[in-house]
Amino acid sequence: LASGKGGVGKTSISVNLAVALAREGQRTMLVDTDFGLANAAVM
């Protein structure tokens, strides 16, 4: 997932999309490489 700027919902979409895929039966792993903020676990 990419965004040219912050504040456009990238991490929220990353988290929710990963959960939605897992719920669809897709074996999914979310890797948080956003070292500046690292908010995936919080969400």
ModelCIF file with pLDDT and N, C-alpha, C, O atoms, coordinates in Angstrom:
data_MODEL
#
_entry.id   MODEL 
#
_entity.id                         1 
_entity.type                       polymer 
_entity.pdbx_number_of_molecules   1 
#
_entity_poly.entity_id                      1 
_entity_poly.type                           'polypeptide(L)' 
_entity_poly.nstd_linkage                   no 
_entity_poly.nstd_monomer                   no 
_entity_poly.pdbx_seq_one_letter_code       LASGKGGVGKTSISVNLAVALAREGQRTMLVDTDFGLANAAVM 
_entity_poly.pdbx_seq_one_letter_code_can   LASGKGGVGKTSISVNLAVALAREGQRTMLVDTDFGLANAAVM 
_entity_poly.pdbx_strand_id                 A 
#
loop_
_entity_poly_seq.entity_id 
_entity_poly_seq.num 
_entity_poly_seq.mon_id 
_entity_poly_seq.hetero 
1 1  LEU n 
1 2  ALA n 
1 3  SER n 
1 4  GLY n 
1 5  LYS n 
1 6  GLY n 
1 7  GLY n 
1 8  VAL n 
1 9  GLY n 
1 10 LYS n 
1 11 THR n 
1 12 SER n 
1 13 ILE n 
1 14 SER n 
1 15 VAL n 
1 16 ASN n 
1 17 LEU n 
1 18 ALA n 
1 19 VAL n 
1 20 ALA n 
1 21 LEU n 
1 22 ALA n 
1 23 ARG n 
1 24 GLU n 
1 25 GLY n 
1 26 GLN n 
1 27 ARG n 
1 28 THR n 
1 29 MET n 
1 30 LEU n 
1 31 VAL n 
1 32 ASP n 
1 33 THR n 
1 34 ASP n 
1 35 PHE n 
1 36 GLY n 
1 37 LEU n 
1 38 ALA n 
1 39 ASN n 
1 40 ALA n 
1 41 ALA n 
1 42 VAL n 
1 43 MET n 
#
_struct_asym.id          A 
_struct_asym.entity_id   1 
#
loop_
_ma_qa_metric.id 
_ma_qa_metric.mode 
_ma_qa_metric.name 
_ma_qa_metric.software_group_id 
_ma_qa_metric.type 
1 global pLDDT . pLDDT 
2 local  pLDDT . pLDDT 
#
_ma_qa_metric_global.metric_id      1 
_ma_qa_metric_global.metric_value   91.60 
_ma_qa_metric_global.model_id       1 
_ma_qa_metric_global.ordinal_id     1 
#
loop_
_ma_qa_metric_local.label_asym_id 
_ma_qa_metric_local.label_comp_id 
_ma_qa_metric_local.label_seq_id 
_ma_qa_metric_local.metric_id 
_ma_qa_metric_local.metric_value 
_ma_qa_metric_local.model_id 
_ma_qa_metric_local.ordinal_id 
A LEU 1  2 96.00 1 1  
A ALA 2  2 94.00 1 2  
A SER 3  2 91.00 1 3  
A GLY 4  2 79.00 1 4  
A LYS 5  2 77.00 1 5  
A GLY 6  2 80.00 1 6  
A GLY 7  2 84.00 1 7  
A VAL 8  2 90.00 1 8  
A GLY 9  2 92.00 1 9  
A LYS 10 2 94.00 1 10 
A THR 11 2 94.00 1 11 
A SER 12 2 96.00 1 12 
A ILE 13 2 97.00 1 13 
A SER 14 2 97.00 1 14 
A VAL 15 2 97.00 1 15 
A ASN 16 2 98.00 1 16 
A LEU 17 2 98.00 1 17 
A ALA 18 2 98.00 1 18 
A VAL 19 2 98.00 1 19 
A ALA 20 2 97.00 1 20 
A LEU 21 2 98.00 1 21 
A ALA 22 2 97.00 1 22 
A ARG 23 2 95.00 1 23 
A GLU 24 2 94.00 1 24 
A GLY 25 2 95.00 1 25 
A GLN 26 2 97.00 1 26 
A ARG 27 2 97.00 1 27 
A THR 28 2 98.00 1 28 
A MET 29 2 98.00 1 29 
A LEU 30 2 98.00 1 30 
A VAL 31 2 97.00 1 31 
A ASP 32 2 95.00 1 32 
A THR 33 2 90.00 1 33 
A ASP 34 2 80.00 1 34 
A PHE 35 2 75.00 1 35 
A GLY 36 2 69.00 1 36 
A LEU 37 2 75.00 1 37 
A ALA 38 2 78.00 1 38 
A ASN 39 2 90.00 1 39 
A ALA 40 2 94.00 1 40 
A ALA 41 2 94.00 1 41 
A VAL 42 2 93.00 1 42 
A MET 43 2 95.00 1 43 
#
loop_
_atom_site.group_PDB 
_atom_site.id 
_atom_site.type_symbol 
_atom_site.label_atom_id 
_atom_site.label_alt_id 
_atom_site.label_comp_id 
_atom_site.label_asym_id 
_atom_site.label_entity_id 
_atom_site.label_seq_id 
_atom_site.pdbx_PDB_ins_code 
_atom_site.Cartn_x 
_atom_site.Cartn_y 
_atom_site.Cartn_z 
_atom_site.occupancy 
_atom_site.B_iso_or_equiv 
_atom_site.pdbx_formal_charge 
_atom_site.auth_seq_id 
_atom_site.auth_comp_id 
_atom_site.auth_asym_id 
_atom_site.auth_atom_id 
_atom_site.pdbx_PDB_model_num 
ATOM 1   N N  . LEU A 1 1  ? 0.845   -1.193  0.000  1.00 96.00 ? 1  LEU A N  1 
ATOM 2   C CA . LEU A 1 1  ? 0.000   0.000   0.000  1.00 96.00 ? 1  LEU A CA 1 
ATOM 3   C C  . LEU A 1 1  ? 0.879   1.241   0.000  1.00 96.00 ? 1  LEU A C  1 
ATOM 4   O O  . LEU A 1 1  ? 1.853   1.317   0.748  1.00 96.00 ? 1  LEU A O  1 
ATOM 5   N N  . ALA A 1 2  ? 0.534   2.214   -0.841 1.00 94.00 ? 2  ALA A N  1 
ATOM 6   C CA . ALA A 1 2  ? 1.318   3.437   -0.984 1.00 94.00 ? 2  ALA A CA 1 
ATOM 7   C C  . ALA A 1 2  ? 0.417   4.653   -0.981 1.00 94.00 ? 2  ALA A C  1 
ATOM 8   O O  . ALA A 1 2  ? -0.757  4.576   -1.344 1.00 94.00 ? 2  ALA A O  1 
ATOM 9   N N  . SER A 1 3  ? 0.977   5.772   -0.568 1.00 91.00 ? 3  SER A N  1 
ATOM 10  C CA . SER A 1 3  ? 0.298   7.065   -0.712 1.00 91.00 ? 3  SER A CA 1 
ATOM 11  C C  . SER A 1 3  ? 1.377   8.123   -0.831 1.00 91.00 ? 3  SER A C  1 
ATOM 12  O O  . SER A 1 3  ? 2.381   8.076   -0.120 1.00 91.00 ? 3  SER A O  1 
ATOM 13  N N  . GLY A 1 4  ? 1.177   9.058   -1.709 1.00 79.00 ? 4  GLY A N  1 
ATOM 14  C CA . GLY A 1 4  ? 2.174   10.093  -1.859 1.00 79.00 ? 4  GLY A CA 1 
ATOM 15  C C  . GLY A 1 4  ? 2.309   10.947  -0.612 1.00 79.00 ? 4  GLY A C  1 
ATOM 16  O O  . GLY A 1 4  ? 3.395   11.448  -0.320 1.00 79.00 ? 4  GLY A O  1 
ATOM 17  N N  . LYS A 1 5  ? 1.221   11.120  0.128  1.00 77.00 ? 5  LYS A N  1 
ATOM 18  C CA . LYS A 1 5  ? 1.230   11.946  1.323  1.00 77.00 ? 5  LYS A CA 1 
ATOM 19  C C  . LYS A 1 5  ? 0.528   11.220  2.459  1.00 77.00 ? 5  LYS A C  1 
ATOM 20  O O  . LYS A 1 5  ? -0.196  10.252  2.228  1.00 77.00 ? 5  LYS A O  1 
ATOM 21  N N  . GLY A 1 6  ? 0.739   11.682  3.681  1.00 80.00 ? 6  GLY A N  1 
ATOM 22  C CA . GLY A 1 6  ? 0.045   11.127  4.816  1.00 80.00 ? 6  GLY A CA 1 
ATOM 23  C C  . GLY A 1 6  ? -1.376  11.659  4.903  1.00 80.00 ? 6  GLY A C  1 
ATOM 24  O O  . GLY A 1 6  ? -1.735  12.630  4.236  1.00 80.00 ? 6  GLY A O  1 
ATOM 25  N N  . GLY A 1 7  ? -2.180  11.005  5.742  1.00 84.00 ? 7  GLY A N  1 
ATOM 26  C CA . GLY A 1 7  ? -3.522  11.497  5.989  1.00 84.00 ? 7  GLY A CA 1 
ATOM 27  C C  . GLY A 1 7  ? -4.569  11.125  4.964  1.00 84.00 ? 7  GLY A C  1 
ATOM 28  O O  . GLY A 1 7  ? -5.667  11.681  4.982  1.00 84.00 ? 7  GLY A O  1 
ATOM 29  N N  . VAL A 1 8  ? -4.260  10.193  4.063  1.00 90.00 ? 8  VAL A N  1 
ATOM 30  C CA . VAL A 1 8  ? -5.246  9.802   3.043  1.00 90.00 ? 8  VAL A CA 1 
ATOM 31  C C  . VAL A 1 8  ? -5.864  8.443   3.346  1.00 90.00 ? 8  VAL A C  1 
ATOM 32  O O  . VAL A 1 8  ? -6.663  7.940   2.556  1.00 90.00 ? 8  VAL A O  1 
ATOM 33  N N  . GLY A 1 9  ? -5.504  7.838   4.489  1.00 92.00 ? 9  GLY A N  1 
ATOM 34  C CA . GLY A 1 9  ? -6.130  6.589   4.897  1.00 92.00 ? 9  GLY A CA 1 
ATOM 35  C C  . GLY A 1 9  ? -5.383  5.332   4.527  1.00 92.00 ? 9  GLY A C  1 
ATOM 36  O O  . GLY A 1 9  ? -5.964  4.247   4.546  1.00 92.00 ? 9  GLY A O  1 
ATOM 37  N N  . LYS A 1 10 ? -4.091  5.445   4.183  1.00 94.00 ? 10 LYS A N  1 
ATOM 38  C CA . LYS A 1 10 ? -3.330  4.276   3.726  1.00 94.00 ? 10 LYS A CA 1 
ATOM 39  C C  . LYS A 1 10 ? -3.267  3.163   4.766  1.00 94.00 ? 10 LYS A C  1 
ATOM 40  O O  . LYS A 1 10 ? -3.575  2.012   4.458  1.00 94.00 ? 10 LYS A O  1 
ATOM 41  N N  . THR A 1 11 ? -2.872  3.493   5.990  1.00 94.00 ? 11 THR A N  1 
ATOM 42  C CA . THR A 1 11 ? -2.724  2.452   7.003  1.00 94.00 ? 11 THR A CA 1 
ATOM 43  C C  . THR A 1 11 ? -4.066  1.846   7.379  1.00 94.00 ? 11 THR A C  1 
ATOM 44  O O  . THR A 1 11 ? -4.170  0.634   7.569  1.00 94.00 ? 11 THR A O  1 
ATOM 45  N N  . SER A 1 12 ? -5.091  2.680   7.488  1.00 96.00 ? 12 SER A N  1 
ATOM 46  C CA . SER A 1 12 ? -6.424  2.165   7.798  1.00 96.00 ? 12 SER A CA 1 
ATOM 47  C C  . SER A 1 12 ? -6.901  1.198   6.721  1.00 96.00 ? 12 SER A C  1 
ATOM 48  O O  . SER A 1 12 ? -7.501  0.169   7.032  1.00 96.00 ? 12 SER A O  1 
ATOM 49  N N  . ILE A 1 13 ? -6.638  1.523   5.460  1.00 97.00 ? 13 ILE A N  1 
ATOM 50  C CA . ILE A 1 13 ? -7.019  0.625   4.368  1.00 97.00 ? 13 ILE A CA 1 
ATOM 51  C C  . ILE A 1 13 ? -6.174  -0.642  4.417  1.00 97.00 ? 13 ILE A C  1 
ATOM 52  O O  . ILE A 1 13 ? -6.694  -1.736  4.199  1.00 97.00 ? 13 ILE A O  1 
ATOM 53  N N  . SER A 1 14 ? -4.879  -0.512  4.701  1.00 97.00 ? 14 SER A N  1 
ATOM 54  C CA . SER A 1 14 ? -4.009  -1.687  4.801  1.00 97.00 ? 14 SER A CA 1 
ATOM 55  C C  . SER A 1 14 ? -4.550  -2.667  5.827  1.00 97.00 ? 14 SER A C  1 
ATOM 56  O O  . SER A 1 14 ? -4.677  -3.861  5.557  1.00 97.00 ? 14 SER A O  1 
ATOM 57  N N  . VAL A 1 15 ? -4.869  -2.146  7.015  1.00 97.00 ? 15 VAL A N  1 
ATOM 58  C CA . VAL A 1 15 ? -5.344  -2.989  8.114  1.00 97.00 ? 15 VAL A CA 1 
ATOM 59  C C  . VAL A 1 15 ? -6.680  -3.632  7.761  1.00 97.00 ? 15 VAL A C  1 
ATOM 60  O O  . VAL A 1 15 ? -6.843  -4.846  7.881  1.00 97.00 ? 15 VAL A O  1 
ATOM 61  N N  . ASN A 1 16 ? -7.630  -2.816  7.329  1.00 98.00 ? 16 ASN A N  1 
ATOM 62  C CA . ASN A 1 16 ? -8.967  -3.333  7.048  1.00 98.00 ? 16 ASN A CA 1 
ATOM 63  C C  . ASN A 1 16 ? -8.987  -4.275  5.855  1.00 98.00 ? 16 ASN A C  1 
ATOM 64  O O  . ASN A 1 16 ? -9.726  -5.259  5.850  1.00 98.00 ? 16 ASN A O  1 
ATOM 65  N N  . LEU A 1 17 ? -8.183  -3.981  4.848  1.00 98.00 ? 17 LEU A N  1 
ATOM 66  C CA . LEU A 1 17 ? -8.122  -4.854  3.679  1.00 98.00 ? 17 LEU A CA 1 
ATOM 67  C C  . LEU A 1 17 ? -7.522  -6.204  4.070  1.00 98.00 ? 17 LEU A C  1 
ATOM 68  O O  . LEU A 1 17 ? -7.996  -7.249  3.624  1.00 98.00 ? 17 LEU A O  1 
ATOM 69  N N  . ALA A 1 18 ? -6.483  -6.181  4.900  1.00 98.00 ? 18 ALA A N  1 
ATOM 70  C CA . ALA A 1 18 ? -5.869  -7.438  5.350  1.00 98.00 ? 18 ALA A CA 1 
ATOM 71  C C  . ALA A 1 18 ? -6.860  -8.266  6.154  1.00 98.00 ? 18 ALA A C  1 
ATOM 72  O O  . ALA A 1 18 ? -6.954  -9.478  5.958  1.00 98.00 ? 18 ALA A O  1 
ATOM 73  N N  . VAL A 1 19 ? -7.603  -7.626  7.059  1.00 98.00 ? 19 VAL A N  1 
ATOM 74  C CA . VAL A 1 19 ? -8.608  -8.348  7.853  1.00 98.00 ? 19 VAL A CA 1 
ATOM 75  C C  . VAL A 1 19 ? -9.711  -8.889  6.947  1.00 98.00 ? 19 VAL A C  1 
ATOM 76  O O  . VAL A 1 19 ? -10.143 -10.030 7.105  1.00 98.00 ? 19 VAL A O  1 
ATOM 77  N N  . ALA A 1 20 ? -10.167 -8.068  5.995  1.00 97.00 ? 20 ALA A N  1 
ATOM 78  C CA . ALA A 1 20 ? -11.226 -8.507  5.076  1.00 97.00 ? 20 ALA A CA 1 
ATOM 79  C C  . ALA A 1 20 ? -10.771 -9.701  4.246  1.00 97.00 ? 20 ALA A C  1 
ATOM 80  O O  . ALA A 1 20 ? -11.548 -10.629 4.022  1.00 97.00 ? 20 ALA A O  1 
ATOM 81  N N  . LEU A 1 21 ? -9.523  -9.688  3.787  1.00 98.00 ? 21 LEU A N  1 
ATOM 82  C CA . LEU A 1 21 ? -8.995  -10.830 3.036  1.00 98.00 ? 21 LEU A CA 1 
ATOM 83  C C  . LEU A 1 21 ? -8.979  -12.089 3.898  1.00 98.00 ? 21 LEU A C  1 
ATOM 84  O O  . LEU A 1 21 ? -9.368  -13.167 3.448  1.00 98.00 ? 21 LEU A O  1 
ATOM 85  N N  . ALA A 1 22 ? -8.523  -11.939 5.149  1.00 97.00 ? 22 ALA A N  1 
ATOM 86  C CA . ALA A 1 22 ? -8.485  -13.086 6.063  1.00 97.00 ? 22 ALA A CA 1 
ATOM 87  C C  . ALA A 1 22 ? -9.886  -13.637 6.285  1.00 97.00 ? 22 ALA A C  1 
ATOM 88  O O  . ALA A 1 22 ? -10.078 -14.851 6.347  1.00 97.00 ? 22 ALA A O  1 
ATOM 89  N N  . ARG A 1 23 ? -10.866 -12.745 6.405  1.00 95.00 ? 23 ARG A N  1 
ATOM 90  C CA . ARG A 1 23 ? -12.252 -13.177 6.608  1.00 95.00 ? 23 ARG A CA 1 
ATOM 91  C C  . ARG A 1 23 ? -12.828 -13.853 5.368  1.00 95.00 ? 23 ARG A C  1 
ATOM 92  O O  . ARG A 1 23 ? -13.772 -14.637 5.461  1.00 95.00 ? 23 ARG A O  1 
ATOM 93  N N  . GLU A 1 24 ? -12.248 -13.539 4.199  1.00 94.00 ? 24 GLU A N  1 
ATOM 94  C CA . GLU A 1 24 ? -12.681 -14.178 2.960  1.00 94.00 ? 24 GLU A CA 1 
ATOM 95  C C  . GLU A 1 24 ? -12.012 -15.538 2.767  1.00 94.00 ? 24 GLU A C  1 
ATOM 96  O O  . GLU A 1 24 ? -12.232 -16.208 1.757  1.00 94.00 ? 24 GLU A O  1 
ATOM 97  N N  . GLY A 1 25 ? -11.203 -15.938 3.733  1.00 95.00 ? 25 GLY A N  1 
ATOM 98  C CA . GLY A 1 25 ? -10.527 -17.226 3.643  1.00 95.00 ? 25 GLY A CA 1 
ATOM 99  C C  . GLY A 1 25 ? -9.153  -17.168 2.997  1.00 95.00 ? 25 GLY A C  1 
ATOM 100 O O  . GLY A 1 25 ? -8.521  -18.200 2.775  1.00 95.00 ? 25 GLY A O  1 
ATOM 101 N N  . GLN A 1 26 ? -8.687  -15.949 2.693  1.00 97.00 ? 26 GLN A N  1 
ATOM 102 C CA . GLN A 1 26 ? -7.348  -15.788 2.131  1.00 97.00 ? 26 GLN A CA 1 
ATOM 103 C C  . GLN A 1 26 ? -6.322  -15.783 3.275  1.00 97.00 ? 26 GLN A C  1 
ATOM 104 O O  . GLN A 1 26 ? -6.456  -15.017 4.229  1.00 97.00 ? 26 GLN A O  1 
ATOM 105 N N  . ARG A 1 27 ? -5.329  -16.618 3.174  1.00 97.00 ? 27 ARG A N  1 
ATOM 106 C CA . ARG A 1 27 ? -4.288  -16.685 4.209  1.00 97.00 ? 27 ARG A CA 1 
ATOM 107 C C  . ARG A 1 27 ? -3.407  -15.439 4.047  1.00 97.00 ? 27 ARG A C  1 
ATOM 108 O O  . ARG A 1 27 ? -2.670  -15.300 3.070  1.00 97.00 ? 27 ARG A O  1 
ATOM 109 N N  . THR A 1 28 ? -3.504  -14.548 5.023  1.00 98.00 ? 28 THR A N  1 
ATOM 110 C CA . THR A 1 28 ? -2.977  -13.192 4.852  1.00 98.00 ? 28 THR A CA 1 
ATOM 111 C C  . THR A 1 28 ? -2.048  -12.807 5.988  1.00 98.00 ? 28 THR A C  1 
ATOM 112 O O  . THR A 1 28 ? -2.289  -13.131 7.151  1.00 98.00 ? 28 THR A O  1 
ATOM 113 N N  . MET A 1 29 ? -0.976  -12.105 5.624  1.00 98.00 ? 29 MET A N  1 
ATOM 114 C CA . MET A 1 29 ? -0.041  -11.545 6.595  1.00 98.00 ? 29 MET A CA 1 
ATOM 115 C C  . MET A 1 29 ? 0.088   -10.050 6.331  1.00 98.00 ? 29 MET A C  1 
ATOM 116 O O  . MET A 1 29 ? 0.227   -9.631  5.182  1.00 98.00 ? 29 MET A O  1 
ATOM 117 N N  . LEU A 1 30 ? 0.043   -9.251  7.382  1.00 98.00 ? 30 LEU A N  1 
ATOM 118 C CA . LEU A 1 30 ? 0.225   -7.806  7.288  1.00 98.00 ? 30 LEU A CA 1 
ATOM 119 C C  . LEU A 1 30 ? 1.585   -7.457  7.863  1.00 98.00 ? 30 LEU A C  1 
ATOM 120 O O  . LEU A 1 30 ? 1.861   -7.742  9.028  1.00 98.00 ? 30 LEU A O  1 
ATOM 121 N N  . VAL A 1 31 ? 2.436   -6.840  7.051  1.00 97.00 ? 31 VAL A N  1 
ATOM 122 C CA . VAL A 1 31 ? 3.773   -6.438  7.477  1.00 97.00 ? 31 VAL A CA 1 
ATOM 123 C C  . VAL A 1 31 ? 3.820   -4.920  7.550  1.00 97.00 ? 31 VAL A C  1 
ATOM 124 O O  . VAL A 1 31 ? 3.647   -4.237  6.540  1.00 97.00 ? 31 VAL A O  1 
ATOM 125 N N  . ASP A 1 32 ? 4.053   -4.395  8.745  1.00 95.00 ? 32 ASP A N  1 
ATOM 126 C CA . ASP A 1 32 ? 4.074   -2.948  8.950  1.00 95.00 ? 32 ASP A CA 1 
ATOM 127 C C  . ASP A 1 32 ? 5.502   -2.441  8.821  1.00 95.00 ? 32 ASP A C  1 
ATOM 128 O O  . ASP A 1 32 ? 6.308   -2.584  9.740  1.00 95.00 ? 32 ASP A O  1 
ATOM 129 N N  . THR A 1 33 ? 5.807   -1.846  7.669  1.00 90.00 ? 33 THR A N  1 
ATOM 130 C CA . THR A 1 33 ? 7.139   -1.271  7.449  1.00 90.00 ? 33 THR A CA 1 
ATOM 131 C C  . THR A 1 33 ? 7.125   0.243   7.568  1.00 90.00 ? 33 THR A C  1 
ATOM 132 O O  . THR A 1 33 ? 8.100   0.907   7.214  1.00 90.00 ? 33 THR A O  1 
ATOM 133 N N  . ASP A 1 34 ? 6.008   0.797   8.070  1.00 80.00 ? 34 ASP A N  1 
ATOM 134 C CA . ASP A 1 34 ? 5.915   2.249   8.248  1.00 80.00 ? 34 ASP A CA 1 
ATOM 135 C C  . ASP A 1 34 ? 6.641   2.623   9.540  1.00 80.00 ? 34 ASP A C  1 
ATOM 136 O O  . ASP A 1 34 ? 6.016   2.869   10.571 1.00 80.00 ? 34 ASP A O  1 
ATOM 137 N N  . PHE A 1 35 ? 7.978   2.662   9.461  1.00 75.00 ? 35 PHE A N  1 
ATOM 138 C CA . PHE A 1 35 ? 8.793   2.826   10.655 1.00 75.00 ? 35 PHE A CA 1 
ATOM 139 C C  . PHE A 1 35 ? 8.600   4.181   11.324 1.00 75.00 ? 35 PHE A C  1 
ATOM 140 O O  . PHE A 1 35 ? 8.912   4.337   12.504 1.00 75.00 ? 35 PHE A O  1 
ATOM 141 N N  . GLY A 1 36 ? 8.096   5.146   10.595 1.00 69.00 ? 36 GLY A N  1 
ATOM 142 C CA . GLY A 1 36 ? 7.898   6.451   11.200 1.00 69.00 ? 36 GLY A CA 1 
ATOM 143 C C  . GLY A 1 36 ? 6.756   6.474   12.199 1.00 69.00 ? 36 GLY A C  1 
ATOM 144 O O  . GLY A 1 36 ? 6.834   7.170   13.211 1.00 69.00 ? 36 GLY A O  1 
ATOM 145 N N  . LEU A 1 37 ? 5.668   5.702   11.922 1.00 75.00 ? 37 LEU A N  1 
ATOM 146 C CA . LEU A 1 37 ? 4.482   5.751   12.777 1.00 75.00 ? 37 LEU A CA 1 
ATOM 147 C C  . LEU A 1 37 ? 4.094   4.384   13.335 1.00 75.00 ? 37 LEU A C  1 
ATOM 148 O O  . LEU A 1 37 ? 3.766   4.273   14.517 1.00 75.00 ? 37 LEU A O  1 
ATOM 149 N N  . ALA A 1 38 ? 4.128   3.347   12.504 1.00 78.00 ? 38 ALA A N  1 
ATOM 150 C CA . ALA A 1 38 ? 3.852   1.985   12.956 1.00 78.00 ? 38 ALA A CA 1 
ATOM 151 C C  . ALA A 1 38 ? 2.515   1.887   13.686 1.00 78.00 ? 38 ALA A C  1 
ATOM 152 O O  . ALA A 1 38 ? 2.466   1.486   14.849 1.00 78.00 ? 38 ALA A O  1 
ATOM 153 N N  . ASN A 1 39 ? 1.429   2.256   13.002 1.00 90.00 ? 39 ASN A N  1 
ATOM 154 C CA . ASN A 1 39 ? 0.118   2.316   13.635 1.00 90.00 ? 39 ASN A CA 1 
ATOM 155 C C  . ASN A 1 39 ? -0.765  1.098   13.383 1.00 90.00 ? 39 ASN A C  1 
ATOM 156 O O  . ASN A 1 39 ? -1.880  1.042   13.903 1.00 90.00 ? 39 ASN A O  1 
ATOM 157 N N  . ALA A 1 40 ? -0.309  0.132   12.611 1.00 94.00 ? 40 ALA A N  1 
ATOM 158 C CA . ALA A 1 40 ? -1.182  -0.994  12.267 1.00 94.00 ? 40 ALA A CA 1 
ATOM 159 C C  . ALA A 1 40 ? -1.637  -1.752  13.507 1.00 94.00 ? 40 ALA A C  1 
ATOM 160 O O  . ALA A 1 40 ? -2.813  -2.098  13.622 1.00 94.00 ? 40 ALA A O  1 
ATOM 161 N N  . ALA A 1 41 ? -0.721  -2.016  14.436 1.00 94.00 ? 41 ALA A N  1 
ATOM 162 C CA . ALA A 1 41 ? -1.084  -2.753  15.652 1.00 94.00 ? 41 ALA A CA 1 
ATOM 163 C C  . ALA A 1 41 ? -2.104  -1.978  16.473 1.00 94.00 ? 41 ALA A C  1 
ATOM 164 O O  . ALA A 1 41 ? -3.028  -2.565  17.036 1.00 94.00 ? 41 ALA A O  1 
ATOM 165 N N  . VAL A 1 42 ? -1.936  -0.649  16.544 1.00 93.00 ? 42 VAL A N  1 
ATOM 166 C CA . VAL A 1 42 ? -2.875  0.184   17.298 1.00 93.00 ? 42 VAL A CA 1 
ATOM 167 C C  . VAL A 1 42 ? -4.271  0.069   16.695 1.00 93.00 ? 42 VAL A C  1 
ATOM 168 O O  . VAL A 1 42 ? -5.254  -0.061  17.424 1.00 93.00 ? 42 VAL A O  1 
ATOM 169 N N  . MET A 1 43 ? -4.362  0.117   15.360 1.00 95.00 ? 43 MET A N  1 
ATOM 170 C CA . MET A 1 43 ? -5.665  0.034   14.704 1.00 95.00 ? 43 MET A CA 1 
ATOM 171 C C  . MET A 1 43 ? -6.304  -1.343  14.848 1.00 95.00 ? 43 MET A C  1 
ATOM 172 O O  . MET A 1 43 ? -7.406  -1.569  14.348 1.00 95.00 ? 43 MET A O  1 
#
